[in-house]
C-alpha atoms as a PDB file:
ATOM      1  CA  MET A   1      -0.983  21.550  -5.448  1.00  0.00           C
ATOM      2  CA  ALA A   2       1.112  23.952  -3.392  1.00  0.00           C
ATOM      3  CA  SER A   3       3.523  26.209  -5.580  1.00  0.00           C
ATOM      4  CA  GLU A   4       7.149  27.353  -4.805  1.00  0.00           C
ATOM      5  CA  GLY A   5       7.332  30.244  -2.638  1.00  0.00           C
ATOM      6  CA  ALA A   6       9.722  32.918  -3.993  1.00  0.00           C
ATOM      7  CA  GLY A   7      11.055  36.394  -3.063  1.00  0.00           C
ATOM      8  CA  PRO A   8      13.029  37.735  -0.159  1.00  0.00           C
ATOM      9  CA  GLY A   9      11.844  36.599   3.099  1.00  0.00           C
ATOM     10  CA  ARG A  10       9.444  33.891   1.989  1.00  0.00           C
ATOM     11  CA  VAL A  11      10.119  30.271   3.069  1.00  0.00           C
ATOM     12  CA  PRO A  12      10.110  28.039  -0.049  1.00  0.00           C
ATOM     13  CA  GLN A  13       6.860  25.799  -0.117  1.00  0.00           C
ATOM     14  CA  ARG A  14       7.161  22.303  -1.202  1.00  0.00           C
ATOM     15  CA  CYS A  15       5.045  21.009  -4.134  1.00  0.00           C
ATOM     16  CA  ALA A  16       3.237  17.520  -4.263  1.00  0.00           C
ATOM     17  CA  VAL A  17       0.292  16.036  -6.038  1.00  0.00           C
ATOM     18  CA  VAL A  18      -2.010  14.084  -3.746  1.00  0.00           C
ATOM     19  CA  VAL A  19      -4.407  11.611  -5.524  1.00  0.00           C
ATOM     20  CA  LEU A  20      -7.507  10.412  -3.661  1.00  0.00           C
ATOM     21  CA  THR A  21      -8.860   7.363  -5.486  1.00  0.00           C
ATOM     22  CA  ASP A  22     -10.708   4.044  -5.098  1.00  0.00           C
ATOM     23  CA  GLY A  23      -7.743   2.691  -6.858  1.00  0.00           C
ATOM     24  CA  ILE A  24      -9.643   1.343  -9.846  1.00  0.00           C
ATOM     25  CA  ASP A  25      -8.761   2.926 -13.194  1.00  0.00           C
ATOM     26  CA  THR A  26     -11.886   3.257 -15.293  1.00  0.00           C
ATOM     27  CA  ARG A  27     -11.194   6.366 -17.623  1.00  0.00           C
ATOM     28  CA  SER A  28      -7.415   7.164 -17.938  1.00  0.00           C
ATOM     29  CA  ARG A  29      -6.083   8.681 -21.108  1.00  0.00           C
ATOM     30  CA  LEU A  30      -2.415   8.481 -20.253  1.00  0.00           C
ATOM     31  CA  THR A  31      -0.501   5.377 -19.204  1.00  0.00           C
ATOM     32  CA  SER A  32       1.199   5.592 -15.653  1.00  0.00           C
ATOM     33  CA  GLU A  33       4.416   5.704 -17.381  1.00  0.00           C
ATOM     34  CA  GLN A  34       3.286   8.763 -19.426  1.00  0.00           C
ATOM     35  CA  VAL A  35       1.881  10.372 -16.294  1.00  0.00           C
ATOM     36  CA  SER A  36       5.166   9.561 -14.385  1.00  0.00           C
ATOM     37  CA  THR A  37       7.413  11.265 -17.264  1.00  0.00           C
ATOM     38  CA  ILE A  38       5.348  14.453 -17.028  1.00  0.00           C
ATOM     39  CA  ALA A  39       5.437  14.629 -13.132  1.00  0.00           C
ATOM     40  CA  SER A  40       9.131  13.792 -13.266  1.00  0.00           C
ATOM     41  CA  SER A  41       9.710  16.488 -15.759  1.00  0.00           C
ATOM     42  CA  ILE A  42       8.364  19.185 -13.341  1.00  0.00           C
ATOM     43  CA  ASP A  43       9.869  17.395 -10.397  1.00  0.00           C
ATOM     44  CA  ILE A  44       6.818  16.774  -8.546  1.00  0.00           C
ATOM     45  CA  PRO A  45       6.104  13.750  -6.280  1.00  0.00           C
ATOM     46  CA  VAL A  46       2.801  12.108  -6.651  1.00  0.00           C
ATOM     47  CA  TYR A  47       1.452  10.744  -3.260  1.00  0.00           C
ATOM     48  CA  ILE A  48      -1.712   8.257  -3.854  1.00  0.00           C
ATOM     49  CA  VAL A  49      -4.187   7.400  -1.060  1.00  0.00           C
ATOM     50  CA  ALA A  50      -6.468   4.664  -2.315  1.00  0.00           C
ATOM     51  CA  VAL A  51      -9.769   4.901  -0.098  1.00  0.00           C
ATOM     52  CA  MET A  52     -11.931   1.948   0.227  1.00  0.00           C
ATOM     53  CA  ALA A  53     -14.178   0.074   2.480  1.00  0.00           C
ATOM     54  CA  THR A  54     -12.657  -2.153   5.092  1.00  0.00           C
ATOM     55  CA  ILE A  55     -14.112  -5.193   3.379  1.00  0.00           C
ATOM     56  CA  ASP A  56     -12.298  -4.244   0.094  1.00  0.00           C
ATOM     57  CA  ASP A  57      -8.880  -3.499   1.698  1.00  0.00           C
ATOM     58  CA  PRO A  58      -6.622  -5.956   0.017  1.00  0.00           C
ATOM     59  CA  ARG A  59      -4.353  -5.744   3.161  1.00  0.00           C
ATOM     60  CA  GLN A  60      -7.386  -7.820   4.785  1.00  0.00           C
ATOM     61  CA  VAL A  61      -8.837  -9.697   1.855  1.00  0.00           C
ATOM     62  CA  GLY A  62      -5.821 -10.025  -0.665  1.00  0.00           C
ATOM     63  CA  MET A  63      -7.954 -10.783  -3.713  1.00  0.00           C
ATOM     64  CA  GLY A  64     -10.437  -8.740  -6.029  1.00  0.00           C
ATOM     65  CA  ARG A  65     -10.135  -5.586  -8.314  1.00  0.00           C
ATOM     66  CA  GLU A  66      -8.946  -3.661  -5.129  1.00  0.00           C
ATOM     67  CA  ARG A  67      -5.818  -5.843  -5.062  1.00  0.00           C
ATOM     68  CA  GLU A  68      -5.002  -4.002  -8.092  1.00  0.00           C
ATOM     69  CA  ALA A  69      -4.728  -0.688  -6.334  1.00  0.00           C
ATOM     70  CA  VAL A  70      -1.756  -2.066  -4.254  1.00  0.00           C
ATOM     71  CA  THR A  71       0.050  -4.079  -7.004  1.00  0.00           C
ATOM     72  CA  GLY A  72      -0.811  -2.322 -10.081  1.00  0.00           C
ATOM     73  CA  PRO A  73       0.335   0.890 -11.762  1.00  0.00           C
ATOM     74  CA  LEU A  74      -0.562   3.033  -8.993  1.00  0.00           C
ATOM     75  CA  PRO A  75       2.333   2.307  -6.578  1.00  0.00           C
ATOM     76  CA  ASP A  76       4.899   2.296  -9.541  1.00  0.00           C
ATOM     77  CA  LEU A  77       3.628   5.839 -10.473  1.00  0.00           C
ATOM     78  CA  ALA A  78       4.026   7.058  -6.831  1.00  0.00           C
ATOM     79  CA  ARG A  79       7.536   5.409  -6.404  1.00  0.00           C
ATOM     80  CA  TRP A  80       8.725   6.573  -9.923  1.00  0.00           C
ATOM     81  CA  THR A  81       8.050  10.311  -8.908  1.00  0.00           C
ATOM     82  CA  GLY A  82       9.442   9.983  -5.483  1.00  0.00           C
ATOM     83  CA  GLY A  83       5.985   9.654  -3.629  1.00  0.00           C
ATOM     84  CA  GLU A  84       4.433   6.956  -1.891  1.00  0.00           C
ATOM     85  CA  MET A  85       1.067   5.092  -2.125  1.00  0.00           C
ATOM     86  CA  PHE A  86      -1.309   4.553   1.061  1.00  0.00           C
ATOM     87  CA  THR A  87      -4.247   2.512   1.291  1.00  0.00           C
ATOM     88  CA  ALA A  88      -7.034   3.929   3.831  1.00  0.00           C
ATOM     89  CA  SER A  89      -9.866   1.739   4.662  1.00  0.00           C
ATOM     90  CA  ALA A  90     -10.790   3.855   7.735  1.00  0.00           C
ATOM     91  CA  PRO A  91     -10.551   7.567   8.869  1.00  0.00           C
ATOM     92  CA  ALA A  92      -7.618   6.815  10.837  1.00  0.00           C
ATOM     93  CA  HIS A  93      -5.584   5.407   7.953  1.00  0.00           C
ATOM     94  CA  ALA A  94      -6.341   8.441   6.044  1.00  0.00           C
ATOM     95  CA  SER A  95      -5.255  10.716   8.811  1.00  0.00           C
ATOM     96  CA  VAL A  96      -2.042   8.739   9.205  1.00  0.00           C
ATOM     97  CA  ALA A  97      -1.356   8.980   5.303  1.00  0.00           C
ATOM     98  CA  ALA A  98      -2.059  12.824   5.359  1.00  0.00           C
ATOM     99  CA  ARG A  99       0.464  13.186   8.468  1.00  0.00           C
ATOM    100  CA  GLN A 100       3.080  11.127   6.715  1.00  0.00           C
ATOM    101  CA  ILE A 101       2.698  12.967   3.509  1.00  0.00           C
ATOM    102  CA  VAL A 102       3.087  16.417   5.422  1.00  0.00           C
ATOM    103  CA  ASP A 103       5.964  15.097   7.411  1.00  0.00           C
ATOM    104  CA  GLU A 104       7.807  13.991   4.281  1.00  0.00           C
ATOM    105  CA  LEU A 105       7.188  17.401   2.682  1.00  0.00           C
ATOM    106  CA  ARG A 106       8.639  19.135   5.500  1.00  0.00           C
ATOM    107  CA  HIS A 107      11.916  17.049   5.436  1.00  0.00           C
ATOM    108  CA  GLN A 108      12.617  17.359   1.690  1.00  0.00           C
ATOM    109  CA  TYR A 109      16.200  18.061   0.495  1.00  0.00           C
ATOM    110  CA  MET A 110      17.353  19.086  -2.997  1.00  0.00           C
ATOM    111  CA  ILE A 111      20.262  17.433  -4.615  1.00  0.00           C
ATOM    112  CA  ALA A 112      21.720  18.766  -7.710  1.00  0.00           C
ATOM    113  CA  PHE A 113      23.725  16.764 -10.204  1.00  0.00           C
ATOM    114  CA  GLU A 114      24.887  17.393 -13.690  1.00  0.00           C
ATOM    115  CA  ALA A 115      22.602  15.483 -16.123  1.00  0.00           C
ATOM    116  CA  SER A 116      23.917  13.071 -18.670  1.00  0.00           C
ATOM    117  CA  ALA A 117      24.728  14.695 -22.076  1.00  0.00           C
ATOM    118  CA  ARG A 118      23.147  11.584 -23.830  1.00  0.00           C
ATOM    119  CA  GLY A 119      19.546  11.408 -24.511  1.00  0.00           C
ATOM    120  CA  GLY A 120      17.043   9.101 -23.150  1.00  0.00           C
ATOM    121  CA  TRP A 121      16.053   7.564 -19.668  1.00  0.00           C
ATOM    122  CA  ARG A 122      18.747   7.707 -17.085  1.00  0.00           C
ATOM    123  CA  PRO A 123      18.128   5.688 -13.758  1.00  0.00           C
ATOM    124  CA  LEU A 124      18.840   7.459 -10.458  1.00  0.00           C
ATOM    125  CA  GLU A 125      19.409   5.919  -7.204  1.00  0.00           C
ATOM    126  CA  VAL A 126      19.905   7.980  -3.970  1.00  0.00           C
ATOM    127  CA  ARG A 127      20.974   6.232  -0.864  1.00  0.00           C
ATOM    128  CA  ALA A 128      21.771   7.349   2.930  1.00  0.00           C
ATOM    129  CA  ARG A 129      24.679   6.326   4.861  1.00  0.00           C
ATOM    130  CA  ASP A 130      22.290   5.525   7.679  1.00  0.00           C
ATOM    131  CA  ARG A 131      20.539   2.329   6.589  1.00  0.00           C
ATOM    132  CA  ASP A 132      17.609   3.412   9.125  1.00  0.00           C
ATOM    133  CA  LEU A 133      16.757   6.387   6.976  1.00  0.00           C
ATOM    134  CA  ILE A 134      14.222   6.128   4.174  1.00  0.00           C
ATOM    135  CA  VAL A 135      14.898   7.931   1.022  1.00  0.00           C
ATOM    136  CA  ARG A 136      12.343   8.682  -1.476  1.00  0.00           C
ATOM    137  CA  ALA A 137      13.609  10.056  -4.744  1.00  0.00           C
ATOM    138  CA  ARG A 138      12.070   9.581  -8.244  1.00  0.00           C
ATOM    139  CA  SER A 139      13.635   6.626 -10.040  1.00  0.00           C
ATOM    140  CA  GLY A 140      15.169   8.541 -12.901  1.00  0.00           C
ATOM    141  CA  TYR A 141      15.188  11.242 -15.368  1.00  0.00           C
ATOM    142  CA  SER A 142      14.928  11.764 -18.975  1.00  0.00           C
ATOM    143  CA  SER A 143      17.555  13.949 -20.744  1.00  0.00           C
ATOM    144  CA  GLY A 144      18.395  15.116 -24.199  1.00  0.00           C
ATOM    145  CA  ALA A 145      16.165  15.103 -27.195  1.00  0.00           C
ATOM    146  CA  ALA A 146      15.172  11.699 -26.666  1.00  0.00           C
ATOM    147  CA  GLY A 147      13.237  12.649 -23.318  1.00  0.00           C
ATOM    148  CA  MET A 148       9.459  13.040 -24.198  1.00  0.00           C
ATOM    149  CA  THR A 149       8.261  16.412 -22.830  1.00  0.00           C
ATOM    150  CA  GLU A 150       4.956  17.267 -21.200  1.00  0.00           C
ATOM    151  CA  SER A 151       3.695  19.036 -24.284  1.00  0.00           C
ATOM    152  CA  ALA A 152       4.486  15.937 -26.454  1.00  0.00           C
ATOM    153  CA  LEU A 153       2.724  13.718 -24.095  1.00  0.00           C
ATOM    154  CA  MET A 154      -0.364  15.857 -24.294  1.00  0.00           C
ATOM    155  CA  LYS A 155      -0.373  15.995 -28.043  1.00  0.00           C
ATOM    156  CA  SER A 156      -0.033  12.352 -28.227  1.00  0.00           C
ATOM    157  CA  ARG A 157      -3.795  12.033 -26.470  1.00  0.00           C
END
């Protein structure tokens, strides 16, 4: 994970979490919603690259446990945090995913707004006037006392 650059004359660095996985969840302690809340609270997009054999690629086969990687909680986690999910069944697919992630990080913008005073989850939608542009943003935010913090989630394990 890269960190924010600070100080005079330094170019701000973009932060992201990139997860390489086979797409099959066998040992998670937290739900994808809890992980999304943690990632959203620290404002970091999660990019997921599901690496699998060509024969297991759900885009080719369309069934099996590997299909869960494309339709299960992983794409939701990526989308909720403003990231994206990629499936790589060949080295070229992984290379394309890496280039797209780097390109997105280079073209990030920060939009500030005043958060709601009411506690709880608030949905967030960001759109561009040009419909040909793709906007990736987290799906919402938690505000006030009702928002669960990272430390509260860690204690709930």
